[in-house]
């Protein structure tokens, strides 16, 4: 009974889909949305109803003529999937085909020739005749099989075209995205160089520090370094920033990979800045309403630790106690809702302490 019921429902959805796509819709504004929803409802309804019909018919042995053994169910379901895909996309392509698409043109030809009606019909007729043993006697078995497999084969070709088109469109989208990203990077690169070039000796040196980091393009970095060192007292200005309340992090980015001429003058203010950093982290943890594992990744801690290793460890100041306090700050008890958050930068600090343990 279930198979008969869904045979009727499948037929209703197929006829409805065919009639719905007969005339060209107005694809503007709310009309376009209404057409899209209607098309999806009818196509999805056909796919779901035909799936239930296929399963019910297979359970009662209606597809015994398709194949013998355990492969029968798989073949029948694959055939259904191919036909359902063909029906849906043929209906879509009939009125929504773009001239610049990379999908094979034969898909549009099938759609404009009502492929979403006659291809599933070729597949459904053998299924309908298989509902009762009397139906199988009405048509020679070779004709029955031929109709089923022709519909399945055409659907397989159509589905292969869909796959080819999808791969082509995806490749074009990826190329366009890469080109856009490259254009954005080039524009940002030019803007950075222009910003650096516009800096004067009496402008704040802090503006240039972000361009001098190790991960900046070499020409940007070298231009920034030249401007920084054009300041007569550039090291004194960096030391003053280290001693400031907010700007010491920018100095960390400079010191990571850029040697100073008098490192012994930096060690004390650098050590003091670590104390400021620890206090800031502790306060931010206690006051924050949105702690994430990356919350302190941009605080320059990684850059600070590399700078210490590169040029400040043997200058008469022991940084180890300060880094221990930094570790303790990162382990400050968090608000209850963030108690399971572990900051990713904590592992970097832990590893530094292990390497330098005395």
Protein backbone atom coordinates (compact mmCIF):
# COMPACT_ATOMS: atom_id res chain seq x y z
CA UNK A 1 0.00 0.00 0.00
CA UNK A 2 2.85 2.38 0.85
CA UNK A 3 4.41 1.89 -2.58
CA UNK A 4 1.11 2.70 -4.32
CA UNK A 5 0.59 5.79 -2.18
CA UNK A 6 4.01 7.24 -2.91
CA UNK A 7 3.75 6.31 -6.57
CA UNK A 8 0.81 8.70 -6.72
CA UNK A 9 2.57 11.38 -4.65
CA UNK A 10 5.69 11.12 -6.81
CA UNK A 11 3.58 11.53 -9.95
CA UNK A 12 1.83 14.59 -8.50
CA UNK A 13 5.14 16.26 -7.65
CA UNK A 14 6.59 15.48 -11.09
CA UNK A 15 3.57 16.90 -12.90
CA UNK A 16 3.57 19.92 -10.60
CA UNK A 17 7.27 20.56 -11.25
CA UNK A 18 6.76 20.28 -14.99
CA UNK A 19 3.81 22.70 -15.02
CA UNK A 20 5.61 25.07 -12.65
CA UNK A 21 8.54 25.45 -15.06
CA UNK A 22 6.50 25.61 -18.26
CA UNK A 23 6.43 29.41 -18.57
CA UNK A 24 9.25 31.82 -17.85
CA UNK A 25 8.94 33.34 -14.37
CA UNK A 26 9.70 36.91 -13.33
CA UNK A 27 13.04 36.60 -11.57
CA UNK A 28 12.90 40.03 -9.90
CA UNK A 29 12.46 40.83 -6.22
CA UNK A 30 9.85 38.84 -4.32
CA UNK A 31 8.83 36.99 -7.49
CA UNK A 32 12.31 35.49 -7.73
CA UNK A 33 12.17 34.37 -4.11
CA UNK A 34 8.72 32.87 -4.58
CA UNK A 35 9.80 31.03 -7.71
CA UNK A 36 12.89 29.68 -5.99
CA UNK A 37 10.93 28.45 -2.98
CA UNK A 38 8.28 26.86 -5.19
CA UNK A 39 10.88 25.15 -7.34
CA UNK A 40 12.70 23.82 -4.30
CA UNK A 41 9.48 22.56 -2.70
CA UNK A 42 8.39 20.66 -5.80
CA UNK A 43 11.84 19.26 -6.62
CA UNK A 44 12.53 18.26 -3.01
CA UNK A 45 9.06 16.78 -2.76
CA UNK A 46 9.66 14.71 -5.87
CA UNK A 47 13.04 13.53 -4.58
CA UNK A 48 11.70 12.53 -1.16
CA UNK A 49 8.52 10.91 -2.46
CA UNK A 50 10.39 9.00 -5.16
CA UNK A 51 12.94 7.80 -2.60
CA UNK A 52 10.24 6.40 -0.32
CA UNK A 53 8.52 4.87 -3.35
CA UNK A 54 11.80 3.30 -4.49
CA UNK A 55 12.56 1.84 -1.07
CA UNK A 56 9.02 0.51 -0.62
CA UNK A 57 9.05 -1.07 -4.08
CA UNK A 58 12.45 -2.62 -3.50
CA UNK A 59 11.37 -4.11 -0.16
CA UNK A 60 8.44 -5.87 -1.79
CA UNK A 61 10.68 -7.30 -4.51
CA UNK A 62 9.56 -5.03 -7.31
CA UNK A 63 13.11 -4.58 -8.60
CA UNK A 64 14.02 -8.25 -8.83
CA UNK A 65 14.43 -7.80 -12.58
CA UNK A 66 17.12 -5.08 -12.14
CA UNK A 67 19.83 -7.35 -10.75
CA UNK A 68 20.31 -10.43 -8.64
CA UNK A 69 21.95 -10.60 -5.24
CA UNK A 70 23.07 -7.96 -2.80
CA UNK A 71 23.94 -5.36 -5.45
CA UNK A 72 20.30 -4.80 -6.37
CA UNK A 73 19.53 -2.33 -3.59
CA UNK A 74 22.71 -0.34 -4.24
CA UNK A 75 22.01 -0.12 -7.98
CA UNK A 76 18.43 0.97 -7.43
CA UNK A 77 19.40 3.68 -4.93
CA UNK A 78 22.20 4.97 -7.16
CA UNK A 79 19.74 5.12 -10.06
CA UNK A 80 17.28 7.04 -7.90
CA UNK A 81 19.97 9.52 -6.82
CA UNK A 82 21.08 10.18 -10.40
CA UNK A 83 17.51 10.69 -11.58
CA UNK A 84 16.69 12.96 -8.64
CA UNK A 85 19.76 15.13 -9.31
CA UNK A 86 18.94 15.35 -13.00
CA UNK A 87 15.33 16.27 -12.31
CA UNK A 88 16.23 19.01 -9.85
CA UNK A 89 19.03 20.67 -11.81
CA UNK A 90 17.29 20.35 -15.16
CA UNK A 91 14.33 22.22 -13.68
CA UNK A 92 16.69 24.86 -12.24
CA UNK A 93 18.71 25.34 -15.42
CA UNK A 94 15.67 25.80 -17.64
CA UNK A 95 15.19 29.41 -16.54
CA UNK A 96 18.33 30.12 -14.51
CA UNK A 97 21.22 29.59 -16.90
CA UNK A 98 23.99 32.19 -17.04
CA UNK A 99 25.82 32.88 -20.25
CA UNK A 100 29.20 32.96 -18.52
CA UNK A 101 28.75 29.67 -16.71
CA UNK A 102 31.34 26.93 -17.04
CA UNK A 103 28.80 24.13 -16.77
CA UNK A 104 28.64 22.07 -20.01
CA UNK A 105 26.16 23.51 -22.52
CA UNK A 106 24.38 20.19 -23.00
CA UNK A 107 22.89 20.56 -19.51
CA UNK A 108 21.00 23.61 -20.72
CA UNK A 109 19.90 21.79 -23.86
CA UNK A 110 18.45 18.98 -21.76
CA UNK A 111 16.73 21.47 -19.46
CA UNK A 112 15.08 23.45 -22.26
CA UNK A 113 13.79 20.18 -23.74
CA UNK A 114 11.97 19.32 -20.51
CA UNK A 115 14.56 16.82 -19.36
CA UNK A 116 13.17 17.14 -15.84
CA UNK A 117 9.97 15.52 -17.11
CA UNK A 118 10.78 12.83 -19.63
CA UNK A 119 13.98 11.48 -18.04
CA UNK A 120 12.33 10.71 -14.68
CA UNK A 121 9.26 9.48 -16.57
CA UNK A 122 11.41 6.96 -18.46
CA UNK A 123 12.66 5.76 -15.09
CA UNK A 124 9.29 5.79 -13.32
CA UNK A 125 7.29 3.84 -15.94
CA UNK A 126 9.17 0.56 -15.28
CA UNK A 127 8.82 1.25 -11.56
CA UNK A 128 5.07 1.77 -11.85
CA UNK A 129 4.68 -1.41 -13.92
CA UNK A 130 6.63 -3.29 -11.25
CA UNK A 131 4.04 -2.50 -8.59
CA UNK A 132 2.07 -5.59 -9.59
CA UNK A 133 3.01 -8.77 -11.37
CA UNK A 134 0.31 -8.06 -13.94
CA UNK A 135 2.07 -4.88 -14.91
CA UNK A 136 5.25 -6.71 -15.82
CA UNK A 137 3.34 -8.80 -18.34
CA UNK A 138 2.22 -5.71 -20.25
CA UNK A 139 5.69 -4.85 -21.55
CA UNK A 140 8.51 -7.15 -22.64
CA UNK A 141 11.23 -7.34 -19.99
CA UNK A 142 13.96 -6.03 -22.35
CA UNK A 143 11.86 -2.92 -22.98
CA UNK A 144 11.28 -2.51 -19.26
CA UNK A 145 14.97 -2.80 -18.49
CA UNK A 146 15.87 -0.61 -21.44
CA UNK A 147 13.67 2.25 -20.27
CA UNK A 148 15.06 2.01 -16.72
CA UNK A 149 18.70 1.88 -17.76
CA UNK A 150 18.39 4.52 -20.48
CA UNK A 151 16.96 6.94 -17.92
CA UNK A 152 19.68 5.98 -15.45
CA UNK A 153 22.40 6.33 -18.09
CA UNK A 154 21.18 9.74 -19.25
CA UNK A 155 20.99 10.84 -15.63
CA UNK A 156 24.54 9.60 -15.06
CA UNK A 157 25.76 11.67 -18.03
CA UNK A 158 23.85 14.70 -16.78
CA UNK A 159 25.25 14.23 -13.26
CA UNK A 160 28.77 13.91 -14.66
CA UNK A 161 28.20 17.22 -16.43
CA UNK A 162 27.15 18.71 -13.10
CA UNK A 163 30.36 17.47 -11.52
CA UNK A 164 32.50 18.87 -14.34
CA UNK A 165 30.74 22.21 -14.10
CA UNK A 166 31.13 22.31 -10.34
CA UNK A 167 34.86 21.63 -10.58
CA UNK A 168 35.28 24.31 -13.25
CA UNK A 169 33.27 26.90 -11.33
CA UNK A 170 35.13 26.09 -8.12
CA UNK A 171 38.48 26.50 -9.88
CA UNK A 172 37.40 29.83 -11.37
CA UNK A 173 36.15 31.04 -7.97
CA UNK A 174 39.43 30.00 -6.35
CA UNK A 175 41.44 31.82 -9.04
CA UNK A 176 39.32 34.94 -8.64
CA UNK A 177 39.72 34.82 -4.87
CA UNK A 178 43.48 34.39 -5.18
CA UNK A 179 43.68 37.29 -7.63
CA UNK A 180 41.61 39.48 -5.32
CA UNK A 181 43.76 38.54 -2.34
CA UNK A 182 46.94 39.26 -4.31
CA UNK A 183 45.55 42.63 -5.38
CA UNK A 184 44.67 43.48 -1.79
CA UNK A 185 48.13 42.45 -0.60
CA UNK A 186 49.78 44.53 -3.32
CA UNK A 187 47.67 47.54 -2.42
CA UNK A 188 48.44 47.16 1.27
CA UNK A 189 52.13 46.75 0.45
CA UNK A 190 52.14 49.98 -1.55
CA UNK A 191 50.23 51.81 1.17
CA UNK A 192 52.70 50.62 3.80
CA UNK A 193 55.65 51.86 1.77
CA UNK A 194 53.89 55.19 1.18
CA UNK A 195 53.15 55.54 4.90
CA UNK A 196 56.78 54.87 5.78
CA UNK A 197 58.05 57.26 3.12
CA UNK A 198 55.80 60.02 4.46
CA UNK A 199 57.26 59.77 7.99
CA UNK A 200 59.47 62.66 9.06
CA UNK A 201 62.26 62.63 11.61
CA UNK A 202 60.18 64.57 14.12
CA UNK A 203 57.19 62.19 13.81
CA UNK A 204 56.66 59.63 16.61
CA UNK A 205 58.96 56.67 16.10
CA UNK A 206 56.30 54.29 17.42
CA UNK A 207 54.42 54.57 14.12
CA UNK A 208 57.27 52.81 12.35
CA UNK A 209 57.84 49.94 14.75
CA UNK A 210 55.05 47.75 13.45
CA UNK A 211 56.61 47.83 9.97
CA UNK A 212 59.98 46.61 11.23
CA UNK A 213 58.92 43.16 12.45
CA UNK A 214 60.54 39.99 11.16
CA UNK A 215 57.45 38.93 9.21
CA UNK A 216 57.13 42.10 7.18
CA UNK A 217 58.22 42.06 3.51
CA UNK A 218 61.92 42.80 3.27
CA UNK A 219 61.53 46.11 1.42
CA UNK A 220 58.95 47.33 3.94
CA UNK A 221 61.13 46.27 6.84
CA UNK A 222 64.27 47.87 5.46
CA UNK A 223 62.44 51.11 4.68
CA UNK A 224 61.08 51.21 8.23
CA UNK A 225 64.51 50.48 9.74
CA UNK A 226 66.08 53.27 7.70
CA UNK A 227 63.46 55.73 8.93
CA UNK A 228 63.79 54.54 12.53
CA UNK A 229 67.56 54.88 12.54
CA UNK A 230 67.28 58.31 10.94
CA UNK A 231 66.05 59.53 14.34
CA UNK A 232 69.16 60.95 16.07
CA UNK A 233 68.31 59.31 19.40
CA UNK A 234 66.34 56.33 18.19
CA UNK A 235 67.55 53.97 20.92
CA UNK A 236 66.63 56.47 23.63
CA UNK A 237 63.18 56.81 22.08
CA UNK A 238 62.74 53.02 22.14
CA UNK A 239 63.81 52.88 25.78
CA UNK A 240 61.29 55.62 26.61
CA UNK A 241 58.57 53.57 24.93
CA UNK A 242 59.60 50.51 26.94
CA UNK A 243 59.08 52.56 30.09
CA UNK A 244 55.68 53.85 28.95
CA UNK A 245 52.41 52.36 30.13
CA UNK A 246 51.04 51.24 26.76
CA UNK A 247 53.68 51.32 24.01
CA UNK A 248 56.21 48.73 25.21
CA UNK A 249 54.55 45.97 23.15
CA UNK A 250 55.42 47.74 19.89
CA UNK A 251 59.06 47.76 20.95
CA UNK A 252 58.96 43.97 21.38
CA UNK A 253 58.08 43.63 17.69
CA UNK A 254 61.08 45.78 16.76
CA UNK A 255 63.53 43.98 19.05
CA UNK A 256 62.53 40.61 17.58
CA UNK A 257 65.06 40.35 14.77
CA UNK A 258 66.49 43.89 14.85
CA UNK A 259 69.70 44.33 16.82
CA UNK A 260 70.29 47.44 18.90
CA UNK A 261 73.69 49.06 19.22
CA UNK A 262 73.70 49.29 23.02
CA UNK A 263 71.78 46.28 24.38
CA UNK A 264 73.08 46.90 27.91
CA UNK A 265 71.01 50.09 28.02
CA UNK A 266 67.82 48.16 27.22
CA UNK A 267 67.95 45.31 29.72
CA UNK A 268 66.68 47.16 32.80
CA UNK A 269 63.73 48.94 31.13
CA UNK A 270 62.99 45.74 29.21
CA UNK A 271 62.87 43.74 32.43
CA UNK A 272 60.62 46.35 34.01
CA UNK A 273 58.29 46.25 31.01
CA UNK A 274 57.75 42.53 31.58
CA UNK A 275 56.38 43.42 35.00
CA UNK A 276 54.00 45.89 33.39
CA UNK A 277 52.97 43.25 30.87
CA UNK A 278 52.27 40.73 33.63
CA UNK A 279 50.14 43.24 35.54
CA UNK A 280 48.21 44.09 32.37
CA UNK A 281 47.52 40.43 31.62
CA UNK A 282 46.38 39.77 35.18
CA UNK A 283 43.97 42.72 35.05
CA UNK A 284 42.68 41.75 31.61
CA UNK A 285 41.91 38.21 32.75
CA UNK A 286 40.02 39.39 35.81
CA UNK A 287 38.03 42.06 33.95
CA UNK A 288 37.42 40.35 30.61
CA UNK A 289 34.01 39.14 29.45
CA UNK A 290 35.37 37.24 26.46
CA UNK A 291 38.47 35.16 27.09
CA UNK A 292 39.65 32.93 24.25
CA UNK A 293 42.73 30.75 23.77
CA UNK A 294 44.16 33.45 21.47
CA UNK A 295 43.39 36.39 23.78
CA UNK A 296 47.07 37.21 24.45
CA UNK A 297 48.61 36.14 21.15
CA UNK A 298 48.95 39.78 20.06
CA UNK A 299 50.61 41.01 23.24
CA UNK A 300 54.09 40.53 21.77
CA UNK A 301 55.08 37.77 24.20
CA UNK A 302 56.48 35.49 21.51
CA UNK A 303 58.48 38.40 20.09
CA UNK A 304 59.72 39.36 23.56
CA UNK A 305 61.05 35.88 24.32
CA UNK A 306 62.85 35.64 20.97
CA UNK A 307 64.39 39.07 21.50
CA UNK A 308 65.68 38.03 24.93
CA UNK A 309 67.33 34.96 23.44
CA UNK A 310 68.84 36.90 20.53
CA UNK A 311 70.53 39.80 22.28
CA UNK A 312 69.70 40.42 25.95
CA UNK A 313 70.46 37.32 28.03
CA UNK A 314 74.10 38.06 28.85
CA UNK A 315 73.85 41.73 29.73
CA UNK A 316 73.91 41.52 33.53
CA UNK A 317 70.16 41.18 34.14
CA UNK A 318 68.36 37.94 35.05
CA UNK A 319 65.07 37.84 33.17
CA UNK A 320 64.04 34.45 34.53
CA UNK A 321 62.14 35.73 37.61
CA UNK A 322 60.21 38.19 35.44
CA UNK A 323 59.19 35.46 33.00
CA UNK A 324 58.06 33.32 35.96
CA UNK A 325 55.80 36.21 36.99
CA UNK A 326 54.57 36.40 33.40
CA UNK A 327 53.73 32.70 33.56
CA UNK A 328 51.89 33.23 36.83
CA UNK A 329 49.95 36.11 35.29
CA UNK A 330 48.81 33.89 32.42
CA UNK A 331 47.65 31.36 35.02
CA UNK A 332 45.60 33.92 36.92
CA UNK A 333 42.28 32.35 38.04
CA UNK A 334 39.67 33.11 35.41
CA UNK A 335 35.99 33.95 35.79
CA UNK A 336 33.94 30.77 36.21
CA UNK A 337 32.59 30.73 32.65
CA UNK A 338 36.15 30.83 31.26
CA UNK A 339 37.77 28.39 33.67
CA UNK A 340 38.53 25.83 30.94
CA UNK A 341 40.25 28.32 28.61
CA UNK A 342 44.01 27.78 28.28
CA UNK A 343 45.87 30.52 26.48
CA UNK A 344 47.97 29.23 23.60
CA UNK A 345 50.85 31.59 24.40
CA UNK A 346 51.20 29.94 27.83
CA UNK A 347 52.89 26.93 26.23
CA UNK A 348 55.51 29.23 24.65
CA UNK A 349 56.29 30.80 28.02
CA UNK A 350 56.46 27.38 29.69
CA UNK A 351 58.91 26.12 27.07
CA UNK A 352 61.13 29.19 27.47
CA UNK A 353 61.31 28.63 31.22
CA UNK A 354 62.19 24.96 30.74
CA UNK A 355 65.01 25.85 28.34
CA UNK A 356 66.48 28.45 30.70
CA UNK A 357 65.94 26.68 34.00
CA UNK A 358 69.00 26.99 36.24
